[in-house]
PDB file of all heavy atoms in Angstrom:
ATOM      1  N   LYS A   1       0.806  -1.212   0.000  1.00  0.00           N
ATOM      2  CA  LYS A   1       0.000   0.000   0.000  1.00  0.00           C
ATOM      3  C   LYS A   1       0.843   1.267   0.000  1.00  0.00           C
ATOM      4  O   LYS A   1       0.287   2.368   0.039  1.00  0.00           O
ATOM      5  CB  LYS A   1      -0.936   0.015   1.209  1.00  0.00           C
ATOM      6  CG  LYS A   1      -1.949  -1.110   1.225  1.00  0.00           C
ATOM      7  CD  LYS A   1      -2.840  -1.014   2.454  1.00  0.00           C
ATOM      8  CE  LYS A   1      -3.877  -2.121   2.456  1.00  0.00           C
ATOM      9  NZ  LYS A   1      -4.743  -2.055   3.656  1.00  0.00           N
ATOM     10  N   ASN A   2       2.156   1.116  -0.008  1.00  0.00           N
ATOM     11  CA  ASN A   2       3.061   2.265   0.054  1.00  0.00           C
ATOM     12  C   ASN A   2       2.732   3.168   1.237  1.00  0.00           C
ATOM     13  O   ASN A   2       2.678   4.398   1.117  1.00  0.00           O
ATOM     14  CB  ASN A   2       3.018   3.066  -1.243  1.00  0.00           C
ATOM     15  CG  ASN A   2       3.769   2.396  -2.372  1.00  0.00           C
ATOM     16  OD1 ASN A   2       4.438   1.378  -2.185  1.00  0.00           O
ATOM     17  ND2 ASN A   2       3.663   2.966  -3.565  1.00  0.00           N
ATOM     18  N   THR A   3       2.534   2.557   2.379  1.00  0.00           N
ATOM     19  CA  THR A   3       2.086   3.291   3.552  1.00  0.00           C
ATOM     20  C   THR A   3       2.839   2.841   4.792  1.00  0.00           C
ATOM     21  O   THR A   3       3.089   1.639   4.972  1.00  0.00           O
ATOM     22  CB  THR A   3       0.578   3.104   3.772  1.00  0.00           C
ATOM     23  OG1 THR A   3      -0.129   3.550   2.604  1.00  0.00           O
ATOM     24  CG2 THR A   3       0.091   3.911   4.965  1.00  0.00           C
ATOM     25  N   VAL A   4       3.185   3.794   5.626  1.00  0.00           N
ATOM     26  CA  VAL A   4       3.758   3.516   6.933  1.00  0.00           C
ATOM     27  C   VAL A   4       2.803   4.054   7.988  1.00  0.00           C
ATOM     28  O   VAL A   4       2.172   5.097   7.787  1.00  0.00           O
ATOM     29  CB  VAL A   4       5.169   4.118   7.074  1.00  0.00           C
ATOM     30  CG1 VAL A   4       5.138   5.636   6.961  1.00  0.00           C
ATOM     31  CG2 VAL A   4       5.815   3.681   8.383  1.00  0.00           C
ATOM     32  N   TYR A   5       2.699   3.351   9.098  1.00  0.00           N
ATOM     33  CA  TYR A   5       1.749   3.698  10.135  1.00  0.00           C
ATOM     34  C   TYR A   5       2.469   3.953  11.454  1.00  0.00           C
ATOM     35  O   TYR A   5       3.553   3.419  11.707  1.00  0.00           O
ATOM     36  CB  TYR A   5       0.737   2.574  10.347  1.00  0.00           C
ATOM     37  CG  TYR A   5      -0.012   2.183   9.112  1.00  0.00           C
ATOM     38  CD1 TYR A   5       0.406   1.106   8.340  1.00  0.00           C
ATOM     39  CD2 TYR A   5      -1.143   2.884   8.714  1.00  0.00           C
ATOM     40  CE1 TYR A   5      -0.280   0.738   7.202  1.00  0.00           C
ATOM     41  CE2 TYR A   5      -1.834   2.519   7.576  1.00  0.00           C
ATOM     42  CZ  TYR A   5      -1.404   1.455   6.820  1.00  0.00           C
ATOM     43  OH  TYR A   5      -2.095   1.096   5.693  1.00  0.00           O
ATOM     44  N   LEU A   6       1.840   4.748  12.273  1.00  0.00           N
ATOM     45  CA  LEU A   6       2.287   4.920  13.645  1.00  0.00           C
ATOM     46  C   LEU A   6       1.074   4.756  14.552  1.00  0.00           C
ATOM     47  O   LEU A   6       0.213   5.638  14.601  1.00  0.00           O
ATOM     48  CB  LEU A   6       2.932   6.288  13.866  1.00  0.00           C
ATOM     49  CG  LEU A   6       3.512   6.516  15.261  1.00  0.00           C
ATOM     50  CD1 LEU A   6       4.720   5.614  15.492  1.00  0.00           C
ATOM     51  CD2 LEU A   6       3.906   7.980  15.457  1.00  0.00           C
ATOM     52  N   GLN A   7       1.015   3.636  15.232  1.00  0.00           N
ATOM     53  CA  GLN A   7      -0.037   3.398  16.204  1.00  0.00           C
ATOM     54  C   GLN A   7       0.403   3.999  17.527  1.00  0.00           C
ATOM     55  O   GLN A   7       1.431   3.608  18.079  1.00  0.00           O
ATOM     56  CB  GLN A   7      -0.305   1.903  16.361  1.00  0.00           C
ATOM     57  CG  GLN A   7      -1.380   1.561  17.379  1.00  0.00           C
ATOM     58  CD  GLN A   7      -2.743   2.058  16.970  1.00  0.00           C
ATOM     59  OE1 GLN A   7      -3.151   1.878  15.827  1.00  0.00           O
ATOM     60  NE2 GLN A   7      -3.450   2.707  17.894  1.00  0.00           N
ATOM     61  N   MET A   8      -0.375   4.936  18.027  1.00  0.00           N
ATOM     62  CA  MET A   8      -0.032   5.686  19.218  1.00  0.00           C
ATOM     63  C   MET A   8      -1.037   5.344  20.312  1.00  0.00           C
ATOM     64  O   MET A   8      -2.207   5.717  20.223  1.00  0.00           O
ATOM     65  CB  MET A   8      -0.049   7.188  18.931  1.00  0.00           C
ATOM     66  CG  MET A   8       0.739   7.579  17.684  1.00  0.00           C
ATOM     67  SD  MET A   8       0.378   9.261  17.108  1.00  0.00           S
ATOM     68  CE  MET A   8       1.142  10.216  18.411  1.00  0.00           C
ATOM     69  N   ASN A   9      -0.581   4.640  21.322  1.00  0.00           N
ATOM     70  CA  ASN A   9      -1.433   4.238  22.432  1.00  0.00           C
ATOM     71  C   ASN A   9      -1.009   4.934  23.711  1.00  0.00           C
ATOM     72  O   ASN A   9       0.132   5.371  23.853  1.00  0.00           O
ATOM     73  CB  ASN A   9      -1.373   2.727  22.631  1.00  0.00           C
ATOM     74  CG  ASN A   9      -1.914   1.952  21.457  1.00  0.00           C
ATOM     75  OD1 ASN A   9      -2.828   2.390  20.771  1.00  0.00           O
ATOM     76  ND2 ASN A   9      -1.351   0.761  21.228  1.00  0.00           N
ATOM     77  N   ASN A  10      -1.935   4.994  24.653  1.00  0.00           N
ATOM     78  CA  ASN A  10      -1.667   5.619  25.944  1.00  0.00           C
ATOM     79  C   ASN A  10      -1.032   6.991  25.770  1.00  0.00           C
ATOM     80  O   ASN A  10       0.003   7.303  26.354  1.00  0.00           O
ATOM     81  CB  ASN A  10      -0.773   4.713  26.794  1.00  0.00           C
ATOM     82  CG  ASN A  10      -0.684   5.169  28.242  1.00  0.00           C
ATOM     83  OD1 ASN A  10      -1.580   5.855  28.745  1.00  0.00           O
ATOM     84  ND2 ASN A  10       0.399   4.797  28.912  1.00  0.00           N
ATOM     85  N   LEU A  11      -1.669   7.806  24.973  1.00  0.00           N
ATOM     86  CA  LEU A  11      -1.119   9.120  24.669  1.00  0.00           C
ATOM     87  C   LEU A  11      -1.070  10.007  25.900  1.00  0.00           C
ATOM     88  O   LEU A  11      -1.943   9.939  26.772  1.00  0.00           O
ATOM     89  CB  LEU A  11      -1.942   9.784  23.579  1.00  0.00           C
ATOM     90  CG  LEU A  11      -1.652   9.260  22.172  1.00  0.00           C
ATOM     91  CD1 LEU A  11      -2.793   9.588  21.229  1.00  0.00           C
ATOM     92  CD2 LEU A  11      -0.348   9.842  21.648  1.00  0.00           C
ATOM     93  N   LYS A  12      -0.036  10.829  25.934  1.00  0.00           N
ATOM     94  CA  LYS A  12       0.193  11.747  27.031  1.00  0.00           C
ATOM     95  C   LYS A  12       0.216  13.179  26.504  1.00  0.00           C
ATOM     96  O   LYS A  12       0.532  13.398  25.334  1.00  0.00           O
ATOM     97  CB  LYS A  12       1.528  11.442  27.715  1.00  0.00           C
ATOM     98  CG  LYS A  12       1.642  10.030  28.262  1.00  0.00           C
ATOM     99  CD  LYS A  12       3.014   9.785  28.856  1.00  0.00           C
ATOM    100  CE  LYS A  12       3.136   8.383  29.410  1.00  0.00           C
ATOM    101  NZ  LYS A  12       4.489   8.135  29.979  1.00  0.00           N
ATOM    102  N   PRO A  13      -0.093  14.150  27.348  1.00  0.00           N
ATOM    103  CA  PRO A  13       0.000  15.540  26.893  1.00  0.00           C
ATOM    104  C   PRO A  13       1.370  15.897  26.324  1.00  0.00           C
ATOM    105  O   PRO A  13       1.456  16.727  25.418  1.00  0.00           O
ATOM    106  CB  PRO A  13      -0.304  16.342  28.164  1.00  0.00           C
ATOM    107  CG  PRO A  13      -1.191  15.447  28.954  1.00  0.00           C
ATOM    108  CD  PRO A  13      -0.666  14.054  28.697  1.00  0.00           C
ATOM    109  N   GLU A  14       2.411  15.272  26.820  1.00  0.00           N
ATOM    110  CA  GLU A  14       3.752  15.517  26.323  1.00  0.00           C
ATOM    111  C   GLU A  14       3.946  15.067  24.880  1.00  0.00           C
ATOM    112  O   GLU A  14       4.934  15.449  24.243  1.00  0.00           O
ATOM    113  CB  GLU A  14       4.794  14.810  27.200  1.00  0.00           C
ATOM    114  CG  GLU A  14       4.696  15.155  28.677  1.00  0.00           C
ATOM    115  CD  GLU A  14       3.817  14.176  29.432  1.00  0.00           C
ATOM    116  OE1 GLU A  14       2.592  14.406  29.488  1.00  0.00           O
ATOM    117  OE2 GLU A  14       4.364  13.188  29.972  1.00  0.00           O
ATOM    118  N   ASP A  15       3.039  14.256  24.364  1.00  0.00           N
ATOM    119  CA  ASP A  15       3.108  13.816  22.978  1.00  0.00           C
ATOM    120  C   ASP A  15       2.582  14.867  22.005  1.00  0.00           C
ATOM    121  O   ASP A  15       2.705  14.680  20.790  1.00  0.00           O
ATOM    122  CB  ASP A  15       2.318  12.526  22.781  1.00  0.00           C
ATOM    123  CG  ASP A  15       2.862  11.376  23.610  1.00  0.00           C
ATOM    124  OD1 ASP A  15       4.093  11.233  23.703  1.00  0.00           O
ATOM    125  OD2 ASP A  15       2.036  10.614  24.155  1.00  0.00           O
ATOM    126  N   THR A  16       1.999  15.916  22.520  1.00  0.00           N
ATOM    127  CA  THR A  16       1.443  16.962  21.667  1.00  0.00           C
ATOM    128  C   THR A  16       2.535  17.582  20.808  1.00  0.00           C
ATOM    129  O   THR A  16       3.534  18.083  21.320  1.00  0.00           O
ATOM    130  CB  THR A  16       0.763  18.041  22.508  1.00  0.00           C
ATOM    131  OG1 THR A  16      -0.357  17.476  23.195  1.00  0.00           O
ATOM    132  CG2 THR A  16       0.274  19.188  21.637  1.00  0.00           C
ATOM    133  N   ALA A  17       2.339  17.532  19.510  1.00  0.00           N
ATOM    134  CA  ALA A  17       3.339  18.022  18.569  1.00  0.00           C
ATOM    135  C   ALA A  17       2.798  17.847  17.161  1.00  0.00           C
ATOM    136  O   ALA A  17       1.773  17.206  16.946  1.00  0.00           O
ATOM    137  CB  ALA A  17       4.659  17.253  18.718  1.00  0.00           C
ATOM    138  N   VAL A  18       3.519  18.408  16.215  1.00  0.00           N
ATOM    139  CA  VAL A  18       3.299  18.091  14.821  1.00  0.00           C
ATOM    140  C   VAL A  18       4.125  16.857  14.492  1.00  0.00           C
ATOM    141  O   VAL A  18       5.325  16.810  14.775  1.00  0.00           O
ATOM    142  CB  VAL A  18       3.688  19.252  13.900  1.00  0.00           C
ATOM    143  CG1 VAL A  18       3.497  18.861  12.437  1.00  0.00           C
ATOM    144  CG2 VAL A  18       2.858  20.485  14.228  1.00  0.00           C
ATOM    145  N   TYR A  19       3.485  15.880  13.917  1.00  0.00           N
ATOM    146  CA  TYR A  19       4.155  14.635  13.566  1.00  0.00           C
ATOM    147  C   TYR A  19       4.436  14.598  12.080  1.00  0.00           C
ATOM    148  O   TYR A  19       3.548  14.827  11.260  1.00  0.00           O
ATOM    149  CB  TYR A  19       3.298  13.437  13.985  1.00  0.00           C
ATOM    150  CG  TYR A  19       3.372  13.179  15.463  1.00  0.00           C
ATOM    151  CD1 TYR A  19       2.749  14.038  16.364  1.00  0.00           C
ATOM    152  CD2 TYR A  19       4.089  12.101  15.974  1.00  0.00           C
ATOM    153  CE1 TYR A  19       2.841  13.829  17.727  1.00  0.00           C
ATOM    154  CE2 TYR A  19       4.177  11.882  17.333  1.00  0.00           C
ATOM    155  CZ  TYR A  19       3.559  12.743  18.203  1.00  0.00           C
ATOM    156  OH  TYR A  19       3.647  12.528  19.562  1.00  0.00           O
ATOM    157  N   TYR A  20       5.679  14.292  11.753  1.00  0.00           N
ATOM    158  CA  TYR A  20       6.138  14.269  10.377  1.00  0.00           C
ATOM    159  C   TYR A  20       6.597  12.875   9.985  1.00  0.00           C
ATOM    160  O   TYR A  20       7.269  12.192  10.761  1.00  0.00           O
ATOM    161  CB  TYR A  20       7.320  15.221  10.173  1.00  0.00           C
ATOM    162  CG  TYR A  20       7.015  16.672  10.426  1.00  0.00           C
ATOM    163  CD1 TYR A  20       7.192  17.230  11.685  1.00  0.00           C
ATOM    164  CD2 TYR A  20       6.563  17.492   9.399  1.00  0.00           C
ATOM    165  CE1 TYR A  20       6.927  18.566  11.925  1.00  0.00           C
ATOM    166  CE2 TYR A  20       6.296  18.824   9.624  1.00  0.00           C
ATOM    167  CZ  TYR A  20       6.481  19.359  10.885  1.00  0.00           C
ATOM    168  OH  TYR A  20       6.221  20.687  11.112  1.00  0.00           O
ATOM    169  N   CYS A  21       6.269  12.494   8.801  1.00  0.00           N
ATOM    170  CA  CYS A  21       6.808  11.296   8.187  1.00  0.00           C
ATOM    171  C   CYS A  21       8.051  11.683   7.403  1.00  0.00           C
ATOM    172  O   CYS A  21       8.064  12.703   6.711  1.00  0.00           O
ATOM    173  CB  CYS A  21       5.758  10.670   7.268  1.00  0.00           C
ATOM    174  SG  CYS A  21       6.265   9.161   6.434  1.00  0.00           S
ATOM    175  N   ALA A  22       9.102  10.893   7.520  1.00  0.00           N
ATOM    176  CA  ALA A  22      10.346  11.182   6.832  1.00  0.00           C
ATOM    177  C   ALA A  22      10.940   9.901   6.274  1.00  0.00           C
ATOM    178  O   ALA A  22      10.789   8.822   6.855  1.00  0.00           O
ATOM    179  CB  ALA A  22      11.347  11.859   7.774  1.00  0.00           C
ATOM    180  N   ALA A  23      11.644  10.033   5.160  1.00  0.00           N
ATOM    181  CA  ALA A  23      12.218   8.878   4.487  1.00  0.00           C
ATOM    182  C   ALA A  23      13.606   9.195   3.960  1.00  0.00           C
ATOM    183  O   ALA A  23      13.934  10.343   3.661  1.00  0.00           O
ATOM    184  CB  ALA A  23      11.314   8.437   3.332  1.00  0.00           C
ATOM    185  N   ARG A  24      14.390   8.154   3.841  1.00  0.00           N
ATOM    186  CA  ARG A  24      15.688   8.270   3.201  1.00  0.00           C
ATOM    187  C   ARG A  24      16.018   6.966   2.499  1.00  0.00           C
ATOM    188  O   ARG A  24      15.535   5.903   2.882  1.00  0.00           O
ATOM    189  CB  ARG A  24      16.794   8.635   4.196  1.00  0.00           C
ATOM    190  CG  ARG A  24      17.171   7.537   5.177  1.00  0.00           C
ATOM    191  CD  ARG A  24      18.377   7.958   5.980  1.00  0.00           C
ATOM    192  NE  ARG A  24      18.910   6.883   6.807  1.00  0.00           N
ATOM    193  CZ  ARG A  24      20.095   6.924   7.403  1.00  0.00           C
ATOM    194  NH1 ARG A  24      20.874   7.998   7.266  1.00  0.00           N
ATOM    195  NH2 ARG A  24      20.501   5.900   8.147  1.00  0.00           N
ATOM    196  N   LYS A  25      16.855   7.068   1.487  1.00  0.00           N
ATOM    197  CA  LYS A  25      17.218   5.897   0.704  1.00  0.00           C
ATOM    198  C   LYS A  25      18.230   5.008   1.401  1.00  0.00           C
ATOM    199  O   LYS A  25      18.279   3.803   1.154  1.00  0.00           O
ATOM    200  CB  LYS A  25      17.759   6.328  -0.658  1.00  0.00           C
ATOM    201  CG  LYS A  25      16.719   6.963  -1.563  1.00  0.00           C
ATOM    202  CD  LYS A  25      17.286   7.309  -2.920  1.00  0.00           C
ATOM    203  CE  LYS A  25      18.218   8.489  -2.828  1.00  0.00           C
ATOM    204  NZ  LYS A  25      18.659   8.941  -4.179  1.00  0.00           N
ATOM    205  N   LEU A  26      19.035   5.582   2.254  1.00  0.00           N
ATOM    206  CA  LEU A  26      20.050   4.811   2.958  1.00  0.00           C
ATOM    207  C   LEU A  26      19.408   3.806   3.897  1.00  0.00           C
ATOM    208  O   LEU A  26      18.406   4.088   4.554  1.00  0.00           O
ATOM    209  CB  LEU A  26      20.968   5.730   3.747  1.00  0.00           C
ATOM    210  CG  LEU A  26      21.874   6.653   2.935  1.00  0.00           C
ATOM    211  CD1 LEU A  26      22.601   7.619   3.856  1.00  0.00           C
ATOM    212  CD2 LEU A  26      22.871   5.842   2.127  1.00  0.00           C
ATOM    213  N   ALA A  27      20.014   2.643   3.965  1.00  0.00           N
ATOM    214  CA  ALA A  27      19.521   1.615   4.857  1.00  0.00           C
ATOM    215  C   ALA A  27      19.853   1.956   6.296  1.00  0.00           C
ATOM    216  O   ALA A  27      20.888   2.553   6.596  1.00  0.00           O
ATOM    217  CB  ALA A  27      20.126   0.266   4.478  1.00  0.00           C
ATOM    218  N   GLY A  28      18.970   1.578   7.190  1.00  0.00           N
ATOM    219  CA  GLY A  28      19.203   1.818   8.599  1.00  0.00           C
ATOM    220  C   GLY A  28      18.519   3.076   9.092  1.00  0.00           C
ATOM    221  O   GLY A  28      18.443   4.083   8.380  1.00  0.00           O
ATOM    222  N   VAL A  29      18.034   3.034  10.316  1.00  0.00           N
ATOM    223  CA  VAL A  29      17.308   4.144  10.916  1.00  0.00           C
ATOM    224  C   VAL A  29      18.286   5.090  11.595  1.00  0.00           C
ATOM    225  O   VAL A  29      19.081   4.678  12.442  1.00  0.00           O
ATOM    226  CB  VAL A  29      16.273   3.645  11.929  1.00  0.00           C
ATOM    227  CG1 VAL A  29      15.603   4.824  12.628  1.00  0.00           C
ATOM    228  CG2 VAL A  29      15.235   2.767  11.245  1.00  0.00           C
ATOM    229  N   SER A  30      18.234   6.351  11.212  1.00  0.00           N
ATOM    230  CA  SER A  30      18.950   7.406  11.906  1.00  0.00           C
ATOM    231  C   SER A  30      17.973   8.195  12.758  1.00  0.00           C
ATOM    232  O   SER A  30      16.825   8.408  12.364  1.00  0.00           O
ATOM    233  CB  SER A  30      19.639   8.337  10.911  1.00  0.00           C
ATOM    234  OG  SER A  30      20.144   9.488  11.564  1.00  0.00           O
ATOM    235  N   ARG A  31      18.431   8.662  13.919  1.00  0.00           N
ATOM    236  CA  ARG A  31      17.598   9.476  14.795  1.00  0.00           C
ATOM    237  C   ARG A  31      17.770  10.968  14.564  1.00  0.00           C
ATOM    238  O   ARG A  31      17.158  11.760  15.277  1.00  0.00           O
ATOM    239  CB  ARG A  31      17.890   9.131  16.253  1.00  0.00           C
ATOM    240  CG  ARG A  31      17.485   7.709  16.614  1.00  0.00           C
ATOM    241  CD  ARG A  31      17.889   7.326  18.024  1.00  0.00           C
ATOM    242  NE  ARG A  31      17.414   5.976  18.318  1.00  0.00           N
ATOM    243  CZ  ARG A  31      16.562   5.664  19.283  1.00  0.00           C
ATOM    244  NH1 ARG A  31      16.103   6.604  20.094  1.00  0.00           N
ATOM    245  NH2 ARG A  31      16.178   4.408  19.451  1.00  0.00           N
ATOM    246  N   LEU A  32      18.565  11.334  13.574  1.00  0.00           N
ATOM    247  CA  LEU A  32      18.833  12.729  13.263  1.00  0.00           C
ATOM    248  C   LEU A  32      17.953  13.180  12.108  1.00  0.00           C
ATOM    249  O   LEU A  32      18.012  12.611  11.018  1.00  0.00           O
ATOM    250  CB  LEU A  32      20.301  12.929  12.908  1.00  0.00           C
ATOM    251  CG  LEU A  32      21.308  12.504  13.971  1.00  0.00           C
ATOM    252  CD1 LEU A  32      22.721  12.682  13.447  1.00  0.00           C
ATOM    253  CD2 LEU A  32      21.113  13.309  15.242  1.00  0.00           C
ATOM    254  N   PHE A  33      17.158  14.212  12.333  1.00  0.00           N
ATOM    255  CA  PHE A  33      16.234  14.633  11.288  1.00  0.00           C
ATOM    256  C   PHE A  33      16.951  15.150  10.053  1.00  0.00           C
ATOM    257  O   PHE A  33      16.403  15.077   8.949  1.00  0.00           O
ATOM    258  CB  PHE A  33      15.244  15.678  11.829  1.00  0.00           C
ATOM    259  CG  PHE A  33      15.819  17.035  12.103  1.00  0.00           C
ATOM    260  CD1 PHE A  33      15.919  17.980  11.096  1.00  0.00           C
ATOM    261  CD2 PHE A  33      16.239  17.383  13.369  1.00  0.00           C
ATOM    262  CE1 PHE A  33      16.429  19.235  11.347  1.00  0.00           C
ATOM    263  CE2 PHE A  33      16.754  18.639  13.634  1.00  0.00           C
ATOM    264  CZ  PHE A  33      16.847  19.565  12.617  1.00  0.00           C
ATOM    265  N   ARG A  34      18.167  15.648  10.218  1.00  0.00           N
ATOM    266  CA  ARG A  34      18.924  16.156   9.082  1.00  0.00           C
ATOM    267  C   ARG A  34      19.376  15.051   8.136  1.00  0.00           C
ATOM    268  O   ARG A  34      19.806  15.355   7.024  1.00  0.00           O
ATOM    269  CB  ARG A  34      20.137  16.954   9.566  1.00  0.00           C
ATOM    270  CG  ARG A  34      19.783  18.234  10.295  1.00  0.00           C
ATOM    271  CD  ARG A  34      21.019  18.958  10.739  1.00  0.00           C
ATOM    272  NE  ARG A  34      20.696  20.226  11.394  1.00  0.00           N
ATOM    273  CZ  ARG A  34      20.431  20.358  12.673  1.00  0.00           C
ATOM    274  NH1 ARG A  34      20.455  19.291  13.465  1.00  0.00           N
ATOM    275  NH2 ARG A  34      20.139  21.541  13.192  1.00  0.00           N
TER     276      ARG A  34
END
């Protein structure tokens, strides 16, 4: 489906934010938005 999901349970007020989907061609997950 060319889709990624984020199931968010037990949400807290601290989770309030704008959520962005991001992708890169390189293999492996980086925690740096840049």
